[in-house]
Amino acid sequence: MNRRKFIVGAATASAALAGLAPFSMAQTALRPLPILPMTDLIKGVENRIRLNLSASTHDFGNGINSNTFGINNSYLGPVLKVRQGQTLPFEVINKIGEVSTLHWHGLHVPGDVDGGPHQQIEPGAIWSPDVPISQKASMNWFHSHAHGKTAQQVYKGLAGVLLIEDDESLFADLPKTYGVDDFTLVLQDKTFDKSGSLNYTLTETALDDGFLGETLVVNGAIAPTLQVVQTGLVRLRVLNACNANFLNLSMATGPLNIIASDGGFLASTVQTDILTMAPGERYEILVDMRKVDINQLLVSYELPEIDGIGGYLREFNTRGFSSLIAKLWNEGDLEIAALTLKRQDEPGFNASMPENLANLSAPDKTDASVTRSFELNQYTGADLGALAAAGDNYCGNGSAMAINGKSMDMDRIDENVRKGDTEIWRISVDDWRHPFHIHGCSFRILTQEGKQPPAYAQGWKDMVHVDGEVWSEVLVRFDYEALKDAPYMYHCHILEHEDCGMMGQFTVT
């Protein structure tokens, strides 16, 4: 099977003004953007913050109630707004009827509250971590990390957003009124069966590629979505919460203005025509709605290359994906209007695009005392078809994929890191493009896929793109302990790959 390629198109002005992208994967009716409920914890909490993991049903906008998971909601979780320096007492209650966890993706926390596979929450049980908020302002998220179950549980809705503010961000000249000029966007791709219900059916292809849905969903609603905004700057905090899909983002009118990545603010606003987001990545975007009546956040999918289209389409037909590829083949580029912003004549946030956001010095390789190398192994000879046929138990103890020739083993520590040391981690892969995530830290990218990273990826990150045998390198430091009974993870963030063994464990002592 060949490596993926990007599918990128350019929206026409007429299509943008009509409120539609040139081609939509789903329906063309504009749905109101769901505003995810926000819980503001900045002023402090008196009691433990209750997060209920529950089974429910949810209508994605097609009139059908699908079986889903949610966190204090029928689908997805709340947006938690917190402040640097807080320690937050949580009470996570597992009501989904199966083992789960809740991982704080992006947070610099000790291993015993990281929420990785070792912090299992049994059905009906309660996990009560005290989570320190140590890093600067940034967009993070929380999601299930139950080994062998991560992909399915996140797909069904066990995920939420955590926004950290600090002294600088709270007083920065940026939009920050939630639901008015400051919006959180959780982007996902879903598959629906013939009845319209959410579908997660594993096949050999779904394990090999990661599960790729044909319908774009924004905050739990099938795209395209619509939000009326004031005349001024609008802030979009975007999370790619797809299981496996890389997404290419653009604006219908003008370039993207990017102000922050995974770990916080960039040094200054970066303009780019295309922003490529791997699963798990976050970026913040400013949209100027003072000169246009309508603008759109456009999304195009990264799809597999097509060699011998007939056979390949038959393979994808097992999950209804063939129609998508056929339309691409016949009609050209695919773009979806994830969000249409429509201006109303009411004054909004009026400020200049920020030129100075954060003091970021260039990463210095001479700070590193250790260099470690990791090769992601896509193929280990495992029978992916047999694993897929195993259904819910497909990869809990599986060895289909690996890192450095070793599949994930909960009883094995793969690396030992000294607390406070700065290291260089070099990552490659034997096939395809993969997103690589390290727990418990933020890092600076030295090289991404053998080249200097794009300007928008030169801030603090916890995700890096890895493609082929060309090394990606990051400069990383660990400041919290992670002991052998609660180690940190490093892994591919294609969730099916993670579940299938493309993950390792390390301690920090």
Protein backbone atom coordinates (compact mmCIF):
# COMPACT_ATOMS: atom_id res chain seq x y z
CA MET A 1 0.00 0.00 0.00
CA ASN A 2 1.38 3.38 -0.92
CA ARG A 3 2.05 6.38 1.22
CA ARG A 4 -0.59 9.07 1.53
CA LYS A 5 -0.64 12.29 -0.37
CA PHE A 6 -2.26 15.62 0.38
CA ILE A 7 -5.52 16.66 -1.23
CA VAL A 8 -5.58 20.44 -1.29
CA GLY A 9 -7.88 22.71 -3.22
CA ALA A 10 -8.57 26.42 -3.46
CA ALA A 11 -12.00 27.78 -2.77
CA THR A 12 -13.49 30.23 -5.20
CA ALA A 13 -14.80 33.57 -3.99
CA SER A 14 -18.24 32.89 -5.38
CA ALA A 15 -18.46 29.58 -3.53
CA ALA A 16 -17.35 31.22 -0.32
CA LEU A 17 -19.95 33.96 -0.59
CA ALA A 18 -22.59 31.37 -1.22
CA GLY A 19 -21.67 29.80 2.13
CA LEU A 20 -20.54 26.57 0.51
CA ALA A 21 -17.20 24.98 -0.28
CA PRO A 22 -16.61 23.78 -3.85
CA PHE A 23 -17.45 20.27 -2.73
CA SER A 24 -18.85 19.05 0.52
CA MET A 25 -18.40 15.54 1.85
CA ALA A 26 -21.62 15.72 3.77
CA GLN A 27 -24.78 17.74 3.42
CA THR A 28 -24.72 21.32 2.22
CA ALA A 29 -27.27 22.71 4.66
CA LEU A 30 -25.60 25.07 7.13
CA ARG A 31 -26.06 23.99 10.74
CA PRO A 32 -25.54 26.35 13.68
CA LEU A 33 -22.13 25.80 15.23
CA PRO A 34 -22.61 23.97 18.54
CA ILE A 35 -20.88 25.93 21.30
CA LEU A 36 -19.30 23.36 23.61
CA PRO A 37 -20.23 24.04 27.25
CA MET A 38 -17.45 25.86 29.08
CA THR A 39 -16.56 25.49 32.77
CA ASP A 40 -14.49 28.41 34.06
CA LEU A 41 -12.24 27.19 36.90
CA ILE A 42 -9.88 30.17 36.96
CA LYS A 43 -11.36 31.68 40.12
CA GLY A 44 -10.83 28.42 41.99
CA VAL A 45 -12.92 25.45 43.07
CA GLU A 46 -14.34 24.45 46.43
CA ASN A 47 -15.08 20.82 45.70
CA ARG A 48 -13.71 18.16 43.39
CA ILE A 49 -14.47 18.77 39.74
CA ARG A 50 -16.74 15.94 38.66
CA LEU A 51 -16.26 14.44 35.21
CA ASN A 52 -18.79 11.72 34.42
CA LEU A 53 -17.77 9.32 31.65
CA SER A 54 -21.14 8.03 30.45
CA ALA A 55 -22.86 6.14 27.65
CA SER A 56 -25.57 8.11 25.88
CA THR A 57 -27.06 8.90 22.47
CA HIS A 58 -26.37 11.90 20.26
CA ASP A 59 -27.85 13.40 17.09
CA PHE A 60 -25.01 14.64 14.84
CA GLY A 61 -27.49 16.65 12.82
CA ASN A 62 -28.94 13.96 10.57
CA GLY A 63 -32.00 13.31 12.75
CA ILE A 64 -30.68 9.96 14.01
CA ASN A 65 -29.66 9.22 17.60
CA SER A 66 -26.37 7.32 17.63
CA ASN A 67 -24.88 5.43 20.55
CA THR A 68 -22.10 7.60 21.93
CA PHE A 69 -19.92 8.33 24.94
CA GLY A 70 -19.65 11.72 26.58
CA ILE A 71 -18.06 13.54 29.52
CA ASN A 72 -20.79 15.41 31.39
CA ASN A 73 -22.56 15.50 28.02
CA SER A 74 -24.11 13.13 25.49
CA TYR A 75 -21.05 13.52 23.25
CA LEU A 76 -17.60 15.00 23.94
CA GLY A 77 -16.83 16.86 27.14
CA PRO A 78 -16.81 20.43 28.36
CA VAL A 79 -14.20 23.09 27.69
CA LEU A 80 -12.34 23.55 30.98
CA LYS A 81 -10.71 26.96 31.44
CA VAL A 82 -7.93 26.93 34.05
CA ARG A 83 -5.01 29.11 35.13
CA GLN A 84 -1.29 28.46 35.40
CA GLY A 85 -0.35 27.72 39.02
CA GLN A 86 -3.59 25.99 40.00
CA THR A 87 -3.81 22.43 41.28
CA LEU A 88 -7.17 21.01 40.24
CA PRO A 89 -8.88 18.23 42.20
CA PHE A 90 -10.81 16.00 39.80
CA GLU A 91 -13.29 13.19 40.37
CA VAL A 92 -13.53 11.05 37.24
CA ILE A 93 -16.43 8.59 37.40
CA ASN A 94 -16.54 5.74 34.88
CA LYS A 95 -20.13 4.99 33.84
CA ILE A 96 -19.51 3.65 30.31
CA GLY A 97 -19.60 -0.04 31.29
CA GLU A 98 -15.99 -0.83 30.33
CA VAL A 99 -12.48 0.03 31.51
CA SER A 100 -11.33 3.52 30.60
CA THR A 101 -8.84 6.25 31.56
CA LEU A 102 -8.62 10.01 31.13
CA HIS A 103 -5.31 11.34 29.82
CA TRP A 104 -4.40 15.06 30.06
CA HIS A 105 -2.88 15.48 26.60
CA GLY A 106 -0.31 18.28 26.61
CA LEU A 107 -0.12 18.81 30.37
CA HIS A 108 3.20 18.71 32.21
CA VAL A 109 2.16 16.53 35.13
CA PRO A 110 3.67 13.65 37.12
CA GLY A 111 3.23 10.19 35.67
CA ASP A 112 0.81 9.07 38.38
CA VAL A 113 -1.80 11.69 37.34
CA ASP A 114 -1.06 11.65 33.59
CA GLY A 115 -4.04 9.38 32.92
CA GLY A 116 -2.21 6.91 30.71
CA PRO A 117 -2.96 3.20 30.39
CA HIS A 118 -1.76 2.47 33.93
CA GLN A 119 -4.38 4.72 35.56
CA GLN A 120 -7.24 2.39 34.65
CA ILE A 121 -10.71 3.28 35.88
CA GLU A 122 -12.84 0.16 36.20
CA PRO A 123 -16.57 0.33 35.40
CA GLY A 124 -18.31 2.09 38.27
CA ALA A 125 -15.02 3.22 39.85
CA ILE A 126 -13.77 6.74 40.61
CA TRP A 127 -10.32 8.19 39.89
CA SER A 128 -9.42 11.26 41.95
CA PRO A 129 -6.22 12.92 40.68
CA ASP A 130 -4.91 16.28 41.84
CA VAL A 131 -3.64 17.79 38.59
CA PRO A 132 -1.08 20.64 38.73
CA ILE A 133 -1.25 23.27 35.99
CA SER A 134 2.36 24.31 35.53
CA GLN A 135 2.82 25.49 31.96
CA LYS A 136 1.99 28.74 30.25
CA ALA A 137 -1.16 29.59 28.29
CA SER A 138 -2.01 26.87 25.78
CA MET A 139 -4.77 24.73 24.30
CA ASN A 140 -4.73 21.13 25.54
CA TRP A 141 -7.23 18.32 25.63
CA PHE A 142 -8.22 15.23 27.60
CA HIS A 143 -9.26 11.88 26.24
CA SER A 144 -9.48 8.16 26.90
CA HIS A 145 -6.13 6.31 26.86
CA ALA A 146 -7.30 2.79 27.74
CA HIS A 147 -4.88 0.41 26.00
CA GLY A 148 -6.61 -1.42 23.19
CA LYS A 149 -9.71 0.75 23.60
CA THR A 150 -8.41 4.27 22.97
CA ALA A 151 -9.46 4.51 19.33
CA GLN A 152 -13.00 3.28 19.82
CA GLN A 153 -13.64 5.29 22.99
CA VAL A 154 -12.33 8.57 21.59
CA TYR A 155 -14.25 7.99 18.36
CA LYS A 156 -17.44 7.55 20.36
CA GLY A 157 -16.87 10.82 22.22
CA LEU A 158 -14.55 10.50 25.24
CA ALA A 159 -12.64 13.74 24.69
CA GLY A 160 -12.72 17.35 25.86
CA VAL A 161 -10.70 20.57 25.72
CA LEU A 162 -8.63 22.21 28.46
CA LEU A 163 -7.57 25.84 28.01
CA ILE A 164 -4.76 27.19 30.18
CA GLU A 165 -4.53 30.92 30.75
CA ASP A 166 -1.71 32.83 32.44
CA ASP A 167 -1.01 36.43 33.44
CA GLU A 168 0.10 37.35 29.93
CA SER A 169 -2.76 35.69 28.05
CA LEU A 170 -5.47 37.08 30.33
CA PHE A 171 -4.34 40.63 29.59
CA ALA A 172 -3.24 40.12 25.99
CA ASP A 173 -4.94 42.20 23.31
CA LEU A 174 -6.73 39.18 21.89
CA PRO A 175 -10.37 38.06 21.61
CA LYS A 176 -11.31 36.10 24.71
CA THR A 177 -15.11 36.27 25.13
CA TYR A 178 -16.12 32.63 24.83
CA GLY A 179 -18.87 31.95 22.31
CA VAL A 180 -18.79 35.55 21.03
CA ASP A 181 -15.34 36.15 19.54
CA ASP A 182 -13.49 33.13 20.95
CA PHE A 183 -14.54 29.68 19.70
CA THR A 184 -13.26 26.17 20.34
CA LEU A 185 -13.51 23.84 17.32
CA VAL A 186 -13.15 20.07 17.69
CA LEU A 187 -12.73 18.61 14.18
CA GLN A 188 -13.40 14.91 13.61
CA ASP A 189 -14.20 12.58 10.73
CA LYS A 190 -17.00 10.07 11.13
CA THR A 191 -18.68 7.25 9.23
CA PHE A 192 -22.43 6.70 9.38
CA ASP A 193 -24.16 3.49 8.32
CA LYS A 194 -27.15 3.28 5.96
CA SER A 195 -29.53 4.02 8.81
CA GLY A 196 -27.61 7.20 9.68
CA SER A 197 -26.11 5.84 12.90
CA LEU A 198 -22.49 6.39 13.90
CA ASN A 199 -20.39 3.45 12.74
CA TYR A 200 -17.02 2.17 13.89
CA THR A 201 -16.37 -1.08 12.05
CA LEU A 202 -12.82 -2.34 12.00
CA THR A 203 -11.35 -3.89 8.88
CA GLU A 204 -7.80 -4.78 7.97
CA THR A 205 -7.61 -1.50 6.07
CA ALA A 206 -8.97 0.46 9.04
CA LEU A 207 -6.25 -0.95 11.26
CA ASP A 208 -3.53 -0.47 8.65
CA ASP A 209 -4.44 3.14 7.76
CA GLY A 210 -6.20 4.10 10.93
CA PHE A 211 -9.95 4.60 10.81
CA LEU A 212 -10.83 7.23 8.19
CA GLY A 213 -14.35 8.63 8.17
CA GLU A 214 -15.97 10.26 5.15
CA THR A 215 -18.01 12.93 6.99
CA LEU A 216 -16.50 15.95 8.71
CA VAL A 217 -17.97 16.79 12.13
CA VAL A 218 -17.43 20.04 14.05
CA ASN A 219 -18.19 20.06 17.80
CA GLY A 220 -20.44 17.07 17.30
CA ALA A 221 -22.37 18.46 14.29
CA ILE A 222 -22.00 17.38 10.66
CA ALA A 223 -20.32 20.14 8.65
CA PRO A 224 -20.84 22.71 7.24
CA THR A 225 -21.62 24.85 10.29
CA LEU A 226 -22.45 28.57 10.62
CA GLN A 227 -21.64 31.18 13.27
CA VAL A 228 -22.75 34.80 13.19
CA VAL A 229 -20.04 37.07 14.63
CA GLN A 230 -19.44 40.73 15.35
CA THR A 231 -17.36 43.03 13.19
CA GLY A 232 -13.84 42.51 14.52
CA LEU A 233 -11.23 39.86 15.18
CA VAL A 234 -12.43 36.31 15.83
CA ARG A 235 -10.32 33.65 17.56
CA LEU A 236 -10.60 30.00 16.58
CA ARG A 237 -8.96 27.41 18.85
CA VAL A 238 -8.82 24.28 16.69
CA LEU A 239 -8.22 20.66 17.69
CA ASN A 240 -7.79 17.84 15.19
CA ALA A 241 -9.49 15.06 17.17
CA CYS A 242 -9.65 12.61 14.26
CA ASN A 243 -8.50 9.07 14.97
CA ALA A 244 -6.14 9.03 11.99
CA ASN A 245 -6.76 11.79 9.45
CA PHE A 246 -4.32 14.58 8.75
CA LEU A 247 -6.32 17.71 7.93
CA ASN A 248 -5.34 20.64 5.72
CA LEU A 249 -6.86 23.95 6.81
CA SER A 250 -7.22 27.15 4.80
CA MET A 251 -9.40 30.25 4.70
CA ALA A 252 -11.68 31.06 1.79
CA THR A 253 -10.62 34.72 1.95
CA GLY A 254 -6.96 35.44 2.63
CA PRO A 255 -4.33 33.48 4.53
CA LEU A 256 -4.55 31.86 7.94
CA ASN A 257 -3.26 34.01 10.80
CA ILE A 258 -1.81 31.56 13.33
CA ILE A 259 -0.96 32.77 16.84
CA ALA A 260 -0.40 29.56 18.84
CA SER A 261 0.42 25.86 18.54
CA ASP A 262 0.17 22.88 20.92
CA GLY A 263 2.27 24.33 23.71
CA GLY A 264 1.31 27.99 23.55
CA PHE A 265 1.84 31.26 21.72
CA LEU A 266 4.18 31.60 18.77
CA ALA A 267 6.75 34.41 18.82
CA SER A 268 4.53 36.40 16.46
CA THR A 269 1.59 35.88 14.13
CA VAL A 270 2.42 33.49 11.28
CA GLN A 271 0.58 33.71 7.97
CA THR A 272 0.20 30.64 5.79
CA ASP A 273 -2.11 29.53 3.00
CA ILE A 274 -2.25 25.91 4.22
CA LEU A 275 -2.00 24.57 7.76
CA THR A 276 -1.47 20.80 8.04
CA MET A 277 -2.78 19.37 11.30
CA ALA A 278 -2.01 15.84 12.46
CA PRO A 279 -4.40 13.95 14.75
CA GLY A 280 -3.98 15.38 18.24
CA GLU A 281 -2.54 18.76 17.18
CA ARG A 282 -3.95 22.14 18.21
CA TYR A 283 -3.60 25.58 16.66
CA GLU A 284 -5.12 29.00 17.33
CA ILE A 285 -6.19 31.18 14.41
CA LEU A 286 -7.28 34.82 14.19
CA VAL A 287 -9.84 35.76 11.53
CA ASP A 288 -10.38 39.42 10.63
CA MET A 289 -14.11 39.94 10.06
CA ARG A 290 -13.89 43.74 9.54
CA LYS A 291 -13.40 43.69 5.75
CA VAL A 292 -15.47 40.68 4.62
CA ASP A 293 -19.09 39.76 5.14
CA ILE A 294 -18.45 36.02 4.98
CA ASN A 295 -15.36 33.91 5.50
CA GLN A 296 -14.91 30.17 5.81
CA LEU A 297 -12.54 27.77 7.50
CA LEU A 298 -11.98 25.15 4.80
CA VAL A 299 -10.77 21.63 5.47
CA SER A 300 -9.40 19.11 3.00
CA TYR A 301 -8.62 15.51 3.86
CA GLU A 302 -5.41 13.63 3.40
CA LEU A 303 -6.37 10.47 1.51
CA PRO A 304 -4.50 7.40 0.35
CA GLU A 305 -2.92 7.42 -3.09
CA ILE A 306 -4.83 5.44 -5.62
CA ASP A 307 -2.94 2.80 -7.59
CA GLY A 308 -5.26 0.43 -9.37
CA ILE A 309 -8.35 2.34 -8.39
CA GLY A 310 -10.83 -0.50 -8.79
CA GLY A 311 -9.31 -2.87 -6.28
CA TYR A 312 -8.54 -0.10 -3.86
CA LEU A 313 -12.08 1.20 -3.94
CA ARG A 314 -13.43 -2.28 -3.30
CA GLU A 315 -11.19 -2.47 -0.25
CA PHE A 316 -12.51 0.84 1.08
CA ASN A 317 -16.09 -0.08 0.27
CA THR A 318 -16.25 -2.10 3.50
CA ARG A 319 -16.74 1.14 5.38
CA GLY A 320 -18.49 3.24 2.77
CA PHE A 321 -15.37 5.20 1.88
CA SER A 322 -15.29 4.25 -1.76
CA SER A 323 -17.85 6.87 -2.74
CA LEU A 324 -15.64 9.58 -1.33
CA ILE A 325 -12.60 8.47 -3.30
CA ALA A 326 -14.68 8.00 -6.45
CA LYS A 327 -15.93 11.58 -6.20
CA LEU A 328 -12.39 12.77 -5.69
CA TRP A 329 -11.24 10.81 -8.72
CA ASN A 330 -14.03 12.18 -10.89
CA GLU A 331 -14.43 15.70 -9.59
CA GLY A 332 -11.04 16.77 -8.29
CA ASP A 333 -10.13 18.32 -4.98
CA LEU A 334 -12.30 17.92 -1.93
CA GLU A 335 -12.84 20.80 0.45
CA ILE A 336 -15.34 21.11 3.23
CA ALA A 337 -16.53 24.32 4.79
CA ALA A 338 -16.01 23.34 8.40
CA LEU A 339 -17.20 26.72 9.62
CA THR A 340 -18.77 29.69 7.87
CA LEU A 341 -18.41 33.01 9.71
CA LYS A 342 -21.06 35.60 8.83
CA ARG A 343 -20.53 39.18 9.94
CA GLN A 344 -23.24 41.23 11.56
CA ASP A 345 -23.17 45.03 11.83
CA GLU A 346 -22.27 45.14 15.49
CA PRO A 347 -18.87 46.30 16.72
CA GLY A 348 -16.68 43.52 18.03
CA PHE A 349 -13.09 43.08 19.12
CA ASN A 350 -11.12 45.80 17.38
CA ALA A 351 -7.33 45.44 17.48
CA SER A 352 -4.38 44.95 15.18
CA MET A 353 -2.98 41.54 14.35
CA PRO A 354 -0.42 40.92 17.09
CA GLU A 355 3.21 41.21 16.08
CA ASN A 356 4.77 40.06 19.36
CA LEU A 357 3.20 37.19 21.27
CA ALA A 358 5.87 35.26 23.18
CA ASN A 359 9.59 35.42 23.86
CA LEU A 360 10.85 32.27 22.12
CA SER A 361 14.56 31.76 21.77
CA ALA A 362 15.91 29.37 19.14
CA PRO A 363 16.31 25.78 20.39
CA ASP A 364 19.95 24.98 21.25
CA LYS A 365 21.05 21.41 20.46
CA THR A 366 24.12 21.85 22.65
CA ASP A 367 21.82 21.70 25.70
CA ALA A 368 21.16 18.01 25.00
CA SER A 369 23.03 15.40 27.01
CA VAL A 370 21.42 12.35 25.40
CA THR A 371 20.19 11.42 21.92
CA ARG A 372 17.60 8.66 21.53
CA SER A 373 16.35 7.11 18.29
CA PHE A 374 12.91 5.64 17.62
CA GLU A 375 11.66 3.87 14.49
CA LEU A 376 7.92 3.40 14.16
CA ASN A 377 7.26 -0.06 12.70
CA GLN A 378 4.09 -0.19 10.61
CA TYR A 379 4.42 -3.83 9.66
CA THR A 380 5.45 -6.69 11.93
CA GLY A 381 3.90 -9.58 10.02
CA ALA A 382 0.74 -9.66 12.14
CA ASP A 383 -2.54 -10.71 10.60
CA LEU A 384 -4.47 -7.45 10.67
CA GLY A 385 -7.53 -9.16 9.22
CA ALA A 386 -7.66 -11.56 12.16
CA LEU A 387 -7.22 -8.70 14.61
CA ALA A 388 -10.06 -6.77 12.98
CA ALA A 389 -12.28 -9.86 13.17
CA ALA A 390 -11.65 -9.94 16.93
CA GLY A 391 -13.78 -6.81 17.23
CA ASP A 392 -13.61 -4.99 20.55
CA ASN A 393 -10.66 -7.06 21.71
CA TYR A 394 -8.60 -6.56 18.57
CA CYS A 395 -5.43 -5.09 20.00
CA GLY A 396 -5.47 -5.00 23.76
CA ASN A 397 -2.58 -7.41 23.91
CA GLY A 398 -1.77 -7.23 20.23
CA SER A 399 1.59 -7.04 18.54
CA ALA A 400 0.62 -5.84 15.09
CA MET A 401 2.81 -2.72 15.20
CA ALA A 402 5.85 -1.63 17.13
CA ILE A 403 8.52 0.96 17.94
CA ASN A 404 12.14 -0.14 17.58
CA GLY A 405 10.87 -3.64 16.85
CA LYS A 406 8.98 -3.95 20.15
CA SER A 407 5.22 -3.83 20.49
CA MET A 408 3.72 -2.11 23.50
CA ASP A 409 4.01 -4.18 26.69
CA MET A 410 2.45 -2.79 29.86
CA ASP A 411 5.03 -4.69 31.92
CA ARG A 412 8.12 -3.40 30.08
CA ILE A 413 9.89 -0.05 30.49
CA ASP A 414 11.55 0.90 27.21
CA GLU A 415 13.51 4.02 28.18
CA ASN A 416 14.75 5.64 31.38
CA VAL A 417 15.17 9.43 31.40
CA ARG A 418 16.89 11.51 34.05
CA LYS A 419 14.70 14.26 35.48
CA GLY A 420 15.77 17.75 34.40
CA ASP A 421 17.91 16.55 31.48
CA THR A 422 17.48 17.93 27.98
CA GLU A 423 17.52 15.30 25.23
CA ILE A 424 17.25 14.98 21.46
CA TRP A 425 14.70 12.43 20.29
CA ARG A 426 15.02 11.28 16.67
CA ILE A 427 11.98 9.58 15.12
CA SER A 428 11.55 7.81 11.79
CA VAL A 429 9.05 5.33 10.37
CA ASP A 430 9.29 2.39 8.01
CA ASP A 431 6.20 3.43 6.02
CA TRP A 432 3.69 6.27 5.65
CA ARG A 433 3.27 9.48 7.61
CA HIS A 434 2.61 9.31 11.35
CA PRO A 435 2.09 11.83 14.16
CA PHE A 436 4.34 11.23 17.18
CA HIS A 437 3.35 12.33 20.70
CA ILE A 438 5.35 12.36 23.95
CA HIS A 439 3.61 12.52 27.32
CA GLY A 440 4.50 14.86 30.16
CA CYS A 441 6.27 17.58 28.20
CA SER A 442 6.42 20.16 25.46
CA PHE A 443 9.32 20.23 23.03
CA ARG A 444 10.84 22.24 20.21
CA ILE A 445 11.06 20.71 16.75
CA LEU A 446 14.59 20.78 15.30
CA THR A 447 13.71 19.06 12.02
CA GLN A 448 10.38 17.77 10.77
CA GLU A 449 10.57 15.07 8.12
CA GLY A 450 14.20 16.01 7.46
CA LYS A 451 13.52 19.74 6.99
CA GLN A 452 13.12 22.86 9.06
CA PRO A 453 9.58 22.84 10.44
CA PRO A 454 7.10 25.32 8.99
CA ALA A 455 6.99 28.63 10.83
CA TYR A 456 3.72 27.73 12.55
CA ALA A 457 5.37 24.63 14.09
CA GLN A 458 8.42 26.44 15.50
CA GLY A 459 6.87 27.15 18.90
CA TRP A 460 6.28 24.73 21.77
CA LYS A 461 4.81 21.43 20.61
CA ASP A 462 3.92 17.97 21.89
CA MET A 463 3.27 16.50 18.42
CA VAL A 464 5.64 16.09 15.46
CA HIS A 465 5.01 14.75 11.94
CA VAL A 466 7.13 11.76 10.91
CA ASP A 467 7.34 10.54 7.30
CA GLY A 468 9.39 7.67 5.92
CA GLU A 469 12.96 6.96 6.90
CA VAL A 470 13.85 10.67 7.11
CA TRP A 471 14.41 11.68 10.73
CA SER A 472 12.27 14.14 12.63
CA GLU A 473 14.13 15.53 15.63
CA VAL A 474 12.86 17.26 18.77
CA LEU A 475 14.60 18.91 21.72
CA VAL A 476 12.83 17.87 24.91
CA ARG A 477 13.17 18.24 28.69
CA PHE A 478 11.24 16.42 31.43
CA ASP A 479 10.58 18.16 34.73
CA TYR A 480 8.24 15.73 36.50
CA GLU A 481 8.74 12.20 37.80
CA ALA A 482 7.19 9.19 36.15
CA LEU A 483 7.98 5.98 38.02
CA LYS A 484 7.81 2.43 36.70
CA ASP A 485 4.34 1.80 38.12
CA ALA A 486 3.02 4.92 36.32
CA PRO A 487 5.33 5.62 33.36
CA TYR A 488 4.86 8.10 30.54
CA MET A 489 4.00 6.98 26.99
CA TYR A 490 5.44 7.87 23.61
CA HIS A 491 3.41 6.74 20.64
CA CYS A 492 1.93 7.27 17.22
CA HIS A 493 -1.23 9.35 17.56
CA ILE A 494 -3.08 7.42 14.87
CA LEU A 495 -5.17 5.81 17.56
CA GLU A 496 -5.58 2.42 15.90
CA HIS A 497 -1.78 2.20 15.55
CA GLU A 498 -1.35 3.11 19.22
CA ASP A 499 -3.82 0.40 20.23
CA CYS A 500 -2.04 -2.09 17.97
CA GLY A 501 1.30 -1.68 19.72
CA MET A 502 2.99 1.43 18.22
CA MET A 503 3.67 2.77 21.68
CA GLY A 504 6.43 2.61 24.29
CA GLN A 505 6.90 3.51 27.95
CA PHE A 506 9.53 5.53 29.77
CA THR A 507 10.31 6.59 33.30
CA VAL A 508 11.65 9.93 34.52
CA THR A 509 13.64 9.75 37.77
